[in-house]
Amino acid sequence: MTSTHHALDYVELTVTDLAAAKAFYSGAFGWSFVDYGPEYAGIASPTGDGEVGGLAAATEARPAGGPLVLLYSDDLDATAEAIVAAGGEILQQPYDFPGGRRLHFADPSGNELGVWAAQ
């Protein structure tokens, strides 16, 4: 699966019961998952090439109740600088995860999004 620089790339749903969420999405939509431990499951692409999203376990749903939209970046550090320069705020500095690195930011309206990079 090829990712495109600064394009919408991945949608992450925060769930309060990972097993129940996997059962629901599998049963309702036929989704399959890639498990990364007790708190995260990637949503496998229907083509079998990579992932299109994920289920993240938490004690409560996201404050607005919506998904976390993730963008892809060829250069996460440069993207972080561009976010700040454009008036955004970095909420979570870049961190490592099984697929690479990512960060979370808020746009000027307060919407939280994430950006990830393979490296």
PDB file of N, CA and C in Angstrom:
ATOM      1  N   MET A   1       0.854  -1.169   0.000  1.00  0.00           N
ATOM      2  CA  MET A   1       0.000   0.000   0.000  1.00  0.00           C
ATOM      3  C   MET A   1       0.895   1.226   0.000  1.00  0.00           C
ATOM      4  N   THR A   2       0.723   2.111  -0.930  1.00  0.00           N
ATOM      5  CA  THR A   2       1.541   3.307  -1.036  1.00  0.00           C
ATOM      6  C   THR A   2       0.835   4.474  -0.375  1.00  0.00           C
ATOM      7  N   SER A   3       1.553   5.203   0.454  1.00  0.00           N
ATOM      8  CA  SER A   3       1.004   6.388   1.095  1.00  0.00           C
ATOM      9  C   SER A   3       1.465   7.617   0.328  1.00  0.00           C
ATOM     10  N   THR A   4       0.639   8.658   0.358  1.00  0.00           N
ATOM     11  CA  THR A   4       0.935   9.891  -0.348  1.00  0.00           C
ATOM     12  C   THR A   4       1.186  11.007   0.652  1.00  0.00           C
ATOM     13  N   HIS A   5       2.278  11.738   0.457  1.00  0.00           N
ATOM     14  CA  HIS A   5       2.680  12.825   1.349  1.00  0.00           C
ATOM     15  C   HIS A   5       1.534  13.818   1.556  1.00  0.00           C
ATOM     16  N   HIS A   6       1.185  14.051   2.809  1.00  0.00           N
ATOM     17  CA  HIS A   6       0.180  15.006   3.282  1.00  0.00           C
ATOM     18  C   HIS A   6      -1.249  14.698   2.842  1.00  0.00           C
ATOM     19  N   ALA A   7      -1.519  13.458   2.472  1.00  0.00           N
ATOM     20  CA  ALA A   7      -2.886  13.046   2.125  1.00  0.00           C
ATOM     21  C   ALA A   7      -3.536  12.346   3.313  1.00  0.00           C
ATOM     22  N   LEU A   8      -4.865  12.364   3.380  1.00  0.00           N
ATOM     23  CA  LEU A   8      -5.565  11.566   4.380  1.00  0.00           C
ATOM     24  C   LEU A   8      -5.165  10.117   4.150  1.00  0.00           C
ATOM     25  N   ASP A   9      -4.826   9.415   5.233  1.00  0.00           N
ATOM     26  CA  ASP A   9      -4.202   8.121   5.059  1.00  0.00           C
ATOM     27  C   ASP A   9      -4.746   7.035   5.971  1.00  0.00           C
ATOM     28  N   TYR A  10      -5.296   7.373   7.116  1.00  0.00           N
ATOM     29  CA  TYR A  10      -5.584   6.379   8.139  1.00  0.00           C
ATOM     30  C   TYR A  10      -6.611   6.970   9.079  1.00  0.00           C
ATOM     31  N   VAL A  11      -7.583   6.212   9.502  1.00  0.00           N
ATOM     32  CA  VAL A  11      -8.582   6.682  10.460  1.00  0.00           C
ATOM     33  C   VAL A  11      -8.533   5.767  11.673  1.00  0.00           C
ATOM     34  N   GLU A  12      -8.418   6.370  12.839  1.00  0.00           N
ATOM     35  CA  GLU A  12      -8.300   5.614  14.078  1.00  0.00           C
ATOM     36  C   GLU A  12      -9.528   5.867  14.947  1.00  0.00           C
ATOM     37  N   LEU A  13     -10.183   4.801  15.364  1.00  0.00           N
ATOM     38  CA  LEU A  13     -11.351   4.901  16.226  1.00  0.00           C
ATOM     39  C   LEU A  13     -10.957   4.543  17.649  1.00  0.00           C
ATOM     40  N   THR A  14     -11.309   5.398  18.591  1.00  0.00           N
ATOM     41  CA  THR A  14     -11.069   5.106  19.996  1.00  0.00           C
ATOM     42  C   THR A  14     -12.256   4.306  20.511  1.00  0.00           C
ATOM     43  N   VAL A  15     -11.969   3.162  21.134  1.00  0.00           N
ATOM     44  CA  VAL A  15     -13.022   2.265  21.606  1.00  0.00           C
ATOM     45  C   VAL A  15     -12.800   1.938  23.079  1.00  0.00           C
ATOM     46  N   THR A  16     -13.880   1.672  23.781  1.00  0.00           N
ATOM     47  CA  THR A  16     -13.763   1.371  25.204  1.00  0.00           C
ATOM     48  C   THR A  16     -13.626  -0.118  25.474  1.00  0.00           C
ATOM     49  N   ASP A  17     -13.920  -0.952  24.492  1.00  0.00           N
ATOM     50  CA  ASP A  17     -13.780  -2.401  24.630  1.00  0.00           C
ATOM     51  C   ASP A  17     -13.270  -2.929  23.290  1.00  0.00           C
ATOM     52  N   LEU A  18     -11.975  -3.192  23.218  1.00  0.00           N
ATOM     53  CA  LEU A  18     -11.348  -3.584  21.957  1.00  0.00           C
ATOM     54  C   LEU A  18     -11.941  -4.871  21.400  1.00  0.00           C
ATOM     55  N   ALA A  19     -12.143  -5.868  22.238  1.00  0.00           N
ATOM     56  CA  ALA A  19     -12.693  -7.146  21.765  1.00  0.00           C
ATOM     57  C   ALA A  19     -14.105  -6.968  21.206  1.00  0.00           C
ATOM     58  N   ALA A  20     -14.923  -6.203  21.901  1.00  0.00           N
ATOM     59  CA  ALA A  20     -16.294  -5.972  21.433  1.00  0.00           C
ATOM     60  C   ALA A  20     -16.296  -5.177  20.131  1.00  0.00           C
ATOM     61  N   ALA A  21     -15.410  -4.203  20.020  1.00  0.00           N
ATOM     62  CA  ALA A  21     -15.331  -3.395  18.794  1.00  0.00           C
ATOM     63  C   ALA A  21     -14.886  -4.245  17.613  1.00  0.00           C
ATOM     64  N   LYS A  22     -13.882  -5.106  17.836  1.00  0.00           N
ATOM     65  CA  LYS A  22     -13.430  -5.989  16.761  1.00  0.00           C
ATOM     66  C   LYS A  22     -14.559  -6.918  16.321  1.00  0.00           C
ATOM     67  N   ALA A  23     -15.289  -7.465  17.280  1.00  0.00           N
ATOM     68  CA  ALA A  23     -16.400  -8.353  16.960  1.00  0.00           C
ATOM     69  C   ALA A  23     -17.481  -7.611  16.169  1.00  0.00           C
ATOM     70  N   PHE A  24     -17.787  -6.376  16.582  1.00  0.00           N
ATOM     71  CA  PHE A  24     -18.801  -5.585  15.890  1.00  0.00           C
ATOM     72  C   PHE A  24     -18.390  -5.298  14.456  1.00  0.00           C
ATOM     73  N   TYR A  25     -17.212  -4.716  14.246  1.00  0.00           N
ATOM     74  CA  TYR A  25     -16.791  -4.331  12.898  1.00  0.00           C
ATOM     75  C   TYR A  25     -16.543  -5.538  11.996  1.00  0.00           C
ATOM     76  N   SER A  26     -16.100  -6.622  12.586  1.00  0.00           N
ATOM     77  CA  SER A  26     -15.925  -7.850  11.811  1.00  0.00           C
ATOM     78  C   SER A  26     -17.279  -8.403  11.384  1.00  0.00           C
ATOM     79  N   GLY A  27     -18.207  -8.445  12.318  1.00  0.00           N
ATOM     80  CA  GLY A  27     -19.530  -8.980  12.027  1.00  0.00           C
ATOM     81  C   GLY A  27     -20.349  -8.081  11.114  1.00  0.00           C
ATOM     82  N   ALA A  28     -20.293  -6.772  11.346  1.00  0.00           N
ATOM     83  CA  ALA A  28     -21.117  -5.841  10.574  1.00  0.00           C
ATOM     84  C   ALA A  28     -20.564  -5.565   9.182  1.00  0.00           C
ATOM     85  N   PHE A  29     -19.238  -5.486   9.062  1.00  0.00           N
ATOM     86  CA  PHE A  29     -18.635  -5.047   7.804  1.00  0.00           C
ATOM     87  C   PHE A  29     -17.610  -6.007   7.219  1.00  0.00           C
ATOM     88  N   GLY A  30     -17.338  -7.099   7.932  1.00  0.00           N
ATOM     89  CA  GLY A  30     -16.367  -8.058   7.429  1.00  0.00           C
ATOM     90  C   GLY A  30     -14.926  -7.631   7.572  1.00  0.00           C
ATOM     91  N   TRP A  31     -14.667  -6.636   8.429  1.00  0.00           N
ATOM     92  CA  TRP A  31     -13.302  -6.155   8.617  1.00  0.00           C
ATOM     93  C   TRP A  31     -12.441  -7.223   9.279  1.00  0.00           C
ATOM     94  N   SER A  32     -11.163  -7.243   8.953  1.00  0.00           N
ATOM     95  CA  SER A  32     -10.198  -8.087   9.659  1.00  0.00           C
ATOM     96  C   SER A  32      -9.152  -7.181  10.286  1.00  0.00           C
ATOM     97  N   PHE A  33      -8.410  -7.739  11.237  1.00  0.00           N
ATOM     98  CA  PHE A  33      -7.540  -6.908  12.063  1.00  0.00           C
ATOM     99  C   PHE A  33      -6.137  -7.477  12.193  1.00  0.00           C
ATOM    100  N   VAL A  34      -5.215  -6.588  12.490  1.00  0.00           N
ATOM    101  CA  VAL A  34      -3.840  -6.948  12.805  1.00  0.00           C
ATOM    102  C   VAL A  34      -3.636  -6.529  14.259  1.00  0.00           C
ATOM    103  N   ASP A  35      -3.447  -7.488  15.150  1.00  0.00           N
ATOM    104  CA  ASP A  35      -3.317  -7.179  16.576  1.00  0.00           C
ATOM    105  C   ASP A  35      -1.904  -6.726  16.923  1.00  0.00           C
ATOM    106  N   TYR A  36      -1.835  -5.647  17.713  1.00  0.00           N
ATOM    107  CA  TYR A  36      -0.569  -5.116  18.192  1.00  0.00           C
ATOM    108  C   TYR A  36      -0.512  -5.130  19.717  1.00  0.00           C
ATOM    109  N   GLY A  37      -1.242  -6.010  20.333  1.00  0.00           N
ATOM    110  CA  GLY A  37      -1.275  -6.091  21.786  1.00  0.00           C
ATOM    111  C   GLY A  37      -2.679  -5.849  22.298  1.00  0.00           C
ATOM    112  N   PRO A  38      -2.825  -5.721  23.613  1.00  0.00           N
ATOM    113  CA  PRO A  38      -4.159  -5.637  24.213  1.00  0.00           C
ATOM    114  C   PRO A  38      -4.862  -4.292  24.028  1.00  0.00           C
ATOM    115  N   GLU A  39      -4.157  -3.280  23.503  1.00  0.00           N
ATOM    116  CA  GLU A  39      -4.764  -1.961  23.407  1.00  0.00           C
ATOM    117  C   GLU A  39      -4.879  -1.415  21.996  1.00  0.00           C
ATOM    118  N   TYR A  40      -4.482  -2.205  20.974  1.00  0.00           N
ATOM    119  CA  TYR A  40      -4.536  -1.673  19.618  1.00  0.00           C
ATOM    120  C   TYR A  40      -4.689  -2.783  18.593  1.00  0.00           C
ATOM    121  N   ALA A  41      -5.530  -2.529  17.600  1.00  0.00           N
ATOM    122  CA  ALA A  41      -5.688  -3.442  16.468  1.00  0.00           C
ATOM    123  C   ALA A  41      -5.770  -2.620  15.197  1.00  0.00           C
ATOM    124  N   GLY A  42      -4.920  -2.929  14.220  1.00  0.00           N
ATOM    125  CA  GLY A  42      -4.989  -2.260  12.935  1.00  0.00           C
ATOM    126  C   GLY A  42      -6.145  -2.821  12.128  1.00  0.00           C
ATOM    127  N   ILE A  43      -6.783  -1.976  11.335  1.00  0.00           N
ATOM    128  CA  ILE A  43      -7.858  -2.417  10.441  1.00  0.00           C
ATOM    129  C   ILE A  43      -7.200  -2.749   9.105  1.00  0.00           C
ATOM    130  N   ALA A  44      -7.223  -4.029   8.742  1.00  0.00           N
ATOM    131  CA  ALA A  44      -6.574  -4.470   7.512  1.00  0.00           C
ATOM    132  C   ALA A  44      -7.286  -3.900   6.290  1.00  0.00           C
ATOM    133  N   SER A  45      -6.512  -3.506   5.287  1.00  0.00           N
ATOM    134  CA  SER A  45      -7.066  -3.029   4.027  1.00  0.00           C
ATOM    135  C   SER A  45      -7.851  -4.154   3.362  1.00  0.00           C
ATOM    136  N   PRO A  46      -8.968  -3.836   2.750  1.00  0.00           N
ATOM    137  CA  PRO A  46      -9.731  -4.880   2.066  1.00  0.00           C
ATOM    138  C   PRO A  46      -8.942  -5.571   0.952  1.00  0.00           C
ATOM    139  N   THR A  47      -7.932  -4.893   0.418  1.00  0.00           N
ATOM    140  CA  THR A  47      -7.117  -5.490  -0.638  1.00  0.00           C
ATOM    141  C   THR A  47      -6.047  -6.413  -0.079  1.00  0.00           C
ATOM    142  N   GLY A  48      -5.880  -6.401   1.260  1.00  0.00           N
ATOM    143  CA  GLY A  48      -4.838  -7.204   1.885  1.00  0.00           C
ATOM    144  C   GLY A  48      -3.479  -6.530   1.864  1.00  0.00           C
ATOM    145  N   ASP A  49      -3.429  -5.295   1.387  1.00  0.00           N
ATOM    146  CA  ASP A  49      -2.181  -4.547   1.275  1.00  0.00           C
ATOM    147  C   ASP A  49      -2.134  -3.451   2.331  1.00  0.00           C
ATOM    148  N   GLY A  50      -1.622  -3.745   3.525  1.00  0.00           N
ATOM    149  CA  GLY A  50      -1.486  -2.744   4.573  1.00  0.00           C
ATOM    150  C   GLY A  50      -2.734  -2.568   5.409  1.00  0.00           C
ATOM    151  N   GLU A  51      -2.827  -1.398   6.013  1.00  0.00           N
ATOM    152  CA  GLU A  51      -3.938  -1.061   6.899  1.00  0.00           C
ATOM    153  C   GLU A  51      -4.553   0.261   6.493  1.00  0.00           C
ATOM    154  N   VAL A  52      -5.839   0.422   6.789  1.00  0.00           N
ATOM    155  CA  VAL A  52      -6.547   1.659   6.481  1.00  0.00           C
ATOM    156  C   VAL A  52      -6.957   2.422   7.734  1.00  0.00           C
ATOM    157  N   GLY A  53      -6.767   1.806   8.877  1.00  0.00           N
ATOM    158  CA  GLY A  53      -7.163   2.444  10.120  1.00  0.00           C
ATOM    159  C   GLY A  53      -6.829   1.570  11.300  1.00  0.00           C
ATOM    160  N   GLY A  54      -7.334   1.972  12.469  1.00  0.00           N
ATOM    161  CA  GLY A  54      -7.061   1.208  13.667  1.00  0.00           C
ATOM    162  C   GLY A  54      -8.103   1.424  14.737  1.00  0.00           C
ATOM    163  N   LEU A  55      -8.122   0.516  15.698  1.00  0.00           N
ATOM    164  CA  LEU A  55      -8.958   0.618  16.887  1.00  0.00           C
ATOM    165  C   LEU A  55      -8.023   0.776  18.079  1.00  0.00           C
ATOM    166  N   ALA A  56      -8.171   1.876  18.797  1.00  0.00           N
ATOM    167  CA  ALA A  56      -7.313   2.164  19.954  1.00  0.00           C
ATOM    168  C   ALA A  56      -8.146   2.096  21.225  1.00  0.00           C
ATOM    169  N   ALA A  57      -7.762   1.216  22.144  1.00  0.00           N
ATOM    170  CA  ALA A  57      -8.498   1.068  23.397  1.00  0.00           C
ATOM    171  C   ALA A  57      -8.209   2.235  24.329  1.00  0.00           C
ATOM    172  N   ALA A  58      -9.248   2.731  24.990  1.00  0.00           N
ATOM    173  CA  ALA A  58      -9.134   3.809  25.968  1.00  0.00           C
ATOM    174  C   ALA A  58     -10.265   3.666  26.970  1.00  0.00           C
ATOM    175  N   THR A  59     -10.178   4.358  28.078  1.00  0.00           N
ATOM    176  CA  THR A  59     -11.220   4.256  29.095  1.00  0.00           C
ATOM    177  C   THR A  59     -12.498   4.966  28.679  1.00  0.00           C
ATOM    178  N   GLU A  60     -12.399   5.931  27.753  1.00  0.00           N
ATOM    179  CA  GLU A  60     -13.586   6.595  27.232  1.00  0.00           C
ATOM    180  C   GLU A  60     -13.329   6.992  25.789  1.00  0.00           C
ATOM    181  N   ALA A  61     -14.394   7.251  25.057  1.00  0.00           N
ATOM    182  CA  ALA A  61     -14.263   7.659  23.658  1.00  0.00           C
ATOM    183  C   ALA A  61     -13.602   9.031  23.576  1.00  0.00           C
ATOM    184  N   ARG A  62     -13.121   9.381  22.393  1.00  0.00           N
ATOM    185  CA  ARG A  62     -12.503  10.699  22.195  1.00  0.00           C
ATOM    186  C   ARG A  62     -13.485  11.774  22.644  1.00  0.00           C
ATOM    187  N   PRO A  63     -12.990  12.906  23.151  1.00  0.00           N
ATOM    188  CA  PRO A  63     -13.876  13.948  23.683  1.00  0.00           C
ATOM    189  C   PRO A  63     -15.017  14.337  22.746  1.00  0.00           C
ATOM    190  N   ALA A  64     -14.753  14.461  21.474  1.00  0.00           N
ATOM    191  CA  ALA A  64     -15.811  14.813  20.534  1.00  0.00           C
ATOM    192  C   ALA A  64     -16.520  13.554  20.027  1.00  0.00           C
ATOM    193  N   GLY A  65     -16.028  12.387  20.435  1.00  0.00           N
ATOM    194  CA  GLY A  65     -16.644  11.147  20.021  1.00  0.00           C
ATOM    195  C   GLY A  65     -16.301  10.709  18.612  1.00  0.00           C
ATOM    196  N   GLY A  66     -15.440  11.443  17.941  1.00  0.00           N
ATOM    197  CA  GLY A  66     -15.134  11.126  16.558  1.00  0.00           C
ATOM    198  C   GLY A  66     -13.821  10.397  16.390  1.00  0.00           C
ATOM    199  N   PRO A  67     -13.541  10.003  15.158  1.00  0.00           N
ATOM    200  CA  PRO A  67     -12.291   9.305  14.879  1.00  0.00           C
ATOM    201  C   PRO A  67     -11.105  10.263  14.859  1.00  0.00           C
ATOM    202  N   LEU A  68      -9.930   9.696  14.971  1.00  0.00           N
ATOM    203  CA  LEU A  68      -8.708  10.465  14.813  1.00  0.00           C
ATOM    204  C   LEU A  68      -8.248  10.262  13.377  1.00  0.00           C
ATOM    205  N   VAL A  69      -8.246  11.321  12.583  1.00  0.00           N
ATOM    206  CA  VAL A  69      -7.811  11.261  11.197  1.00  0.00           C
ATOM    207  C   VAL A  69      -6.298  11.425  11.153  1.00  0.00           C
ATOM    208  N   LEU A  70      -5.640  10.548  10.402  1.00  0.00           N
ATOM    209  CA  LEU A  70      -4.190  10.600  10.280  1.00  0.00           C
ATOM    210  C   LEU A  70      -3.783  10.916   8.853  1.00  0.00           C
ATOM    211  N   LEU A  71      -2.793  11.777   8.726  1.00  0.00           N
ATOM    212  CA  LEU A  71      -2.172  12.100   7.455  1.00  0.00           C
ATOM    213  C   LEU A  71      -0.855  11.363   7.387  1.00  0.00           C
ATOM    214  N   TYR A  72      -0.325  11.207   6.191  1.00  0.00           N
ATOM    215  CA  TYR A  72       0.988  10.583   6.013  1.00  0.00           C
ATOM    216  C   TYR A  72       1.996  11.669   5.666  1.00  0.00           C
ATOM    217  N   SER A  73       3.243  11.498   6.094  1.00  0.00           N
ATOM    218  CA  SER A  73       4.314  12.438   5.763  1.00  0.00           C
ATOM    219  C   SER A  73       5.561  11.688   5.339  1.00  0.00           C
ATOM    220  N   ASP A  74       6.232  12.211   4.330  1.00  0.00           N
ATOM    221  CA  ASP A  74       7.535  11.676   3.937  1.00  0.00           C
ATOM    222  C   ASP A  74       8.619  12.104   4.922  1.00  0.00           C
ATOM    223  N   ASP A  75       8.381  13.223   5.655  1.00  0.00           N
ATOM    224  CA  ASP A  75       9.361  13.777   6.591  1.00  0.00           C
ATOM    225  C   ASP A  75       8.606  14.349   7.788  1.00  0.00           C
ATOM    226  N   LEU A  76       8.456  13.544   8.836  1.00  0.00           N
ATOM    227  CA  LEU A  76       7.639  13.920   9.988  1.00  0.00           C
ATOM    228  C   LEU A  76       8.153  15.169  10.695  1.00  0.00           C
ATOM    229  N   ASP A  77       9.455  15.297  10.823  1.00  0.00           N
ATOM    230  CA  ASP A  77      10.004  16.467  11.519  1.00  0.00           C
ATOM    231  C   ASP A  77       9.726  17.754  10.745  1.00  0.00           C
ATOM    232  N   ALA A  78       9.867  17.712   9.429  1.00  0.00           N
ATOM    233  CA  ALA A  78       9.567  18.887   8.604  1.00  0.00           C
ATOM    234  C   ALA A  78       8.077  19.214   8.670  1.00  0.00           C
ATOM    235  N   THR A  79       7.240  18.198   8.695  1.00  0.00           N
ATOM    236  CA  THR A  79       5.802  18.425   8.801  1.00  0.00           C
ATOM    237  C   THR A  79       5.458  19.062  10.138  1.00  0.00           C
ATOM    238  N   ALA A  80       6.092  18.615  11.219  1.00  0.00           N
ATOM    239  CA  ALA A  80       5.858  19.215  12.538  1.00  0.00           C
ATOM    240  C   ALA A  80       6.199  20.704  12.509  1.00  0.00           C
ATOM    241  N   GLU A  81       7.310  21.042  11.890  1.00  0.00           N
ATOM    242  CA  GLU A  81       7.703  22.456  11.778  1.00  0.00           C
ATOM    243  C   GLU A  81       6.673  23.241  10.965  1.00  0.00           C
ATOM    244  N   ALA A  82       6.174  22.639   9.894  1.00  0.00           N
ATOM    245  CA  ALA A  82       5.189  23.315   9.054  1.00  0.00           C
ATOM    246  C   ALA A  82       3.867  23.517   9.797  1.00  0.00           C
ATOM    247  N   ILE A  83       3.489  22.555  10.627  1.00  0.00           N
ATOM    248  CA  ILE A  83       2.253  22.679  11.415  1.00  0.00           C
ATOM    249  C   ILE A  83       2.335  23.887  12.328  1.00  0.00           C
ATOM    250  N   VAL A  84       3.438  24.007  13.041  1.00  0.00           N
ATOM    251  CA  VAL A  84       3.622  25.123  13.970  1.00  0.00           C
ATOM    252  C   VAL A  84       3.696  26.447  13.204  1.00  0.00           C
ATOM    253  N   ALA A  85       4.433  26.454  12.107  1.00  0.00           N
ATOM    254  CA  ALA A  85       4.568  27.674  11.310  1.00  0.00           C
ATOM    255  C   ALA A  85       3.232  28.152  10.748  1.00  0.00           C
ATOM    256  N   ALA A  86       2.327  27.212  10.482  1.00  0.00           N
ATOM    257  CA  ALA A  86       1.025  27.562   9.926  1.00  0.00           C
ATOM    258  C   ALA A  86      -0.005  27.928  10.996  1.00  0.00           C
ATOM    259  N   GLY A  87       0.385  27.846  12.269  1.00  0.00           N
ATOM    260  CA  GLY A  87      -0.525  28.232  13.343  1.00  0.00           C
ATOM    261  C   GLY A  87      -1.135  27.092  14.115  1.00  0.00           C
ATOM    262  N   GLY A  88      -0.681  25.875  13.849  1.00  0.00           N
ATOM    263  CA  GLY A  88      -1.163  24.719  14.600  1.00  0.00           C
ATOM    264  C   GLY A  88      -0.347  24.513  15.864  1.00  0.00           C
ATOM    265  N   GLU A  89      -0.780  23.567  16.677  1.00  0.00           N
ATOM    266  CA  GLU A  89      -0.088  23.257  17.934  1.00  0.00           C
ATOM    267  C   GLU A  89       0.197  21.759  17.991  1.00  0.00           C
ATOM    268  N   ILE A  90       1.424  21.408  18.298  1.00  0.00           N
ATOM    269  CA  ILE A  90       1.773  19.999  18.466  1.00  0.00           C
ATOM    270  C   ILE A  90       1.263  19.555  19.838  1.00  0.00           C
ATOM    271  N   LEU A  91       0.375  18.572  19.861  1.00  0.00           N
ATOM    272  CA  LEU A  91      -0.185  18.060  21.106  1.00  0.00           C
ATOM    273  C   LEU A  91       0.619  16.890  21.648  1.00  0.00           C
ATOM    274  N   GLN A  92       1.158  16.068  20.768  1.00  0.00           N
ATOM    275  CA  GLN A  92       2.031  14.941  21.132  1.00  0.00           C
ATOM    276  C   GLN A  92       3.225  14.979  20.204  1.00  0.00           C
ATOM    277  N   GLN A  93       4.390  15.161  20.777  1.00  0.00           N
ATOM    278  CA  GLN A  93       5.618  15.187  19.986  1.00  0.00           C
ATOM    279  C   GLN A  93       5.795  13.848  19.272  1.00  0.00           C
ATOM    280  N   PRO A  94       6.591  13.814  18.197  1.00  0.00           N
ATOM    281  CA  PRO A  94       6.801  12.558  17.485  1.00  0.00           C
ATOM    282  C   PRO A  94       7.223  11.423  18.423  1.00  0.00           C
ATOM    283  N   TYR A  95       6.604  10.262  18.220  1.00  0.00           N
ATOM    284  CA  TYR A  95       6.919   9.081  19.018  1.00  0.00           C
ATOM    285  C   TYR A  95       6.931   7.862  18.109  1.00  0.00           C
ATOM    286  N   ASP A  96       7.644   6.836  18.550  1.00  0.00           N
ATOM    287  CA  ASP A  96       7.744   5.597  17.785  1.00  0.00           C
ATOM    288  C   ASP A  96       6.527   4.714  18.055  1.00  0.00           C
ATOM    289  N   PHE A  97       6.092   3.997  17.031  1.00  0.00           N
ATOM    290  CA  PHE A  97       5.060   2.976  17.157  1.00  0.00           C
ATOM    291  C   PHE A  97       5.429   1.867  16.180  1.00  0.00           C
ATOM    292  N   PRO A  98       4.756   0.712  16.198  1.00  0.00           N
ATOM    293  CA  PRO A  98       5.203  -0.414  15.374  1.00  0.00           C
ATOM    294  C   PRO A  98       5.340  -0.126  13.878  1.00  0.00           C
ATOM    295  N   GLY A  99       4.617   0.860  13.343  1.00  0.00           N
ATOM    296  CA  GLY A  99       4.699   1.153  11.912  1.00  0.00           C
ATOM    297  C   GLY A  99       5.639   2.277  11.547  1.00  0.00           C
ATOM    298  N   GLY A 100       6.258   2.937  12.522  1.00  0.00           N
ATOM    299  CA  GLY A 100       7.151   4.066  12.238  1.00  0.00           C
ATOM    300  C   GLY A 100       7.121   5.085  13.356  1.00  0.00           C
ATOM    301  N   ARG A 101       6.799   6.330  13.003  1.00  0.00           N
ATOM    302  CA  ARG A 101       6.717   7.427  13.981  1.00  0.00           C
ATOM    303  C   ARG A 101       5.456   8.233  13.690  1.00  0.00           C
ATOM    304  N   ARG A 102       4.934   8.891  14.735  1.00  0.00           N
ATOM    305  CA  ARG A 102       3.791   9.771  14.515  1.00  0.00           C
ATOM    306  C   ARG A 102       3.720  10.861  15.557  1.00  0.00           C
ATOM    307  N   LEU A 103       2.887  11.862  15.276  1.00  0.00           N
ATOM    308  CA  LEU A 103       2.625  12.969  16.188  1.00  0.00           C
ATOM    309  C   LEU A 103       1.151  13.306  16.116  1.00  0.00           C
ATOM    310  N   HIS A 104       0.682  14.066  17.102  1.00  0.00           N
ATOM    311  CA  HIS A 104      -0.689  14.580  17.095  1.00  0.00           C
ATOM    312  C   HIS A 104      -0.603  16.097  17.142  1.00  0.00           C
ATOM    313  N   PHE A 105      -1.541  16.758  16.467  1.00  0.00           N
ATOM    314  CA  PHE A 105      -1.564  18.216  16.470  1.00  0.00           C
ATOM    315  C   PHE A 105      -2.989  18.721  16.491  1.00  0.00           C
ATOM    316  N   ALA A 106      -3.144  19.996  16.848  1.00  0.00           N
ATOM    317  CA  ALA A 106      -4.437  20.667  16.789  1.00  0.00           C
ATOM    318  C   ALA A 106      -4.356  21.746  15.725  1.00  0.00           C
ATOM    319  N   ASP A 107      -5.408  21.831  14.920  1.00  0.00           N
ATOM    320  CA  ASP A 107      -5.476  22.920  13.949  1.00  0.00           C
ATOM    321  C   ASP A 107      -5.963  24.172  14.679  1.00  0.00           C
ATOM    322  N   PRO A 108      -5.999  25.331  14.029  1.00  0.00           N
ATOM    323  CA  PRO A 108      -6.418  26.555  14.722  1.00  0.00           C
ATOM    324  C   PRO A 108      -7.824  26.502  15.305  1.00  0.00           C
ATOM    325  N   SER A 109      -8.683  25.602  14.814  1.00  0.00           N
ATOM    326  CA  SER A 109     -10.033  25.463  15.376  1.00  0.00           C
ATOM    327  C   SER A 109     -10.086  24.489  16.538  1.00  0.00           C
ATOM    328  N   GLY A 110      -8.948  23.827  16.825  1.00  0.00           N
ATOM    329  CA  GLY A 110      -8.899  22.866  17.920  1.00  0.00           C
ATOM    330  C   GLY A 110      -9.130  21.431  17.509  1.00  0.00           C
ATOM    331  N   ASN A 111      -9.307  21.153  16.207  1.00  0.00           N
ATOM    332  CA  ASN A 111      -9.465  19.779  15.750  1.00  0.00           C
ATOM    333  C   ASN A 111      -8.154  19.040  15.899  1.00  0.00           C
ATOM    334  N   GLU A 112      -8.202  17.857  16.509  1.00  0.00           N
ATOM    335  CA  GLU A 112      -7.000  17.052  16.679  1.00  0.00           C
ATOM    336  C   GLU A 112      -6.868  16.067  15.513  1.00  0.00           C
ATOM    337  N   LEU A 113      -5.694  16.049  14.917  1.00  0.00           N
ATOM    338  CA  LEU A 113      -5.355  15.100  13.859  1.00  0.00           C
ATOM    339  C   LEU A 113      -3.982  14.523  14.174  1.00  0.00           C
ATOM    340  N   GLY A 114      -3.619  13.493  13.459  1.00  0.00           N
ATOM    341  CA  GLY A 114      -2.295  12.892  13.605  1.00  0.00           C
ATOM    342  C   GLY A 114      -1.595  12.866  12.260  1.00  0.00           C
ATOM    343  N   VAL A 115      -0.278  12.742  12.329  1.00  0.00           N
ATOM    344  CA  VAL A 115       0.544  12.572  11.129  1.00  0.00           C
ATOM    345  C   VAL A 115       1.501  11.452  11.428  1.00  0.00           C
ATOM    346  N   TRP A 116       1.673  10.529  10.459  1.00  0.00           N
ATOM    347  CA  TRP A 116       2.611   9.433  10.674  1.00  0.00           C
ATOM    348  C   TRP A 116       3.591   9.338   9.511  1.00  0.00           C
ATOM    349  N   ALA A 117       4.722   8.741   9.801  1.00  0.00           N
ATOM    350  CA  ALA A 117       5.751   8.498   8.798  1.00  0.00           C
ATOM    351  C   ALA A 117       6.298   7.094   9.011  1.00  0.00           C
ATOM    352  N   ALA A 118       6.697   6.465   7.935  1.00  0.00           N
ATOM    353  CA  ALA A 118       7.219   5.103   8.020  1.00  0.00           C
ATOM    354  C   ALA A 118       8.569   5.064   8.732  1.00  0.00           C
ATOM    355  N   GLN A 119       9.295   6.139   8.738  1.00  0.00           N
ATOM    356  CA  GLN A 119      10.630   6.190   9.355  1.00  0.00           C
ATOM    357  C   GLN A 119      10.639   7.129  10.520  1.00  0.00           C
TER     358      GLN A 119
END
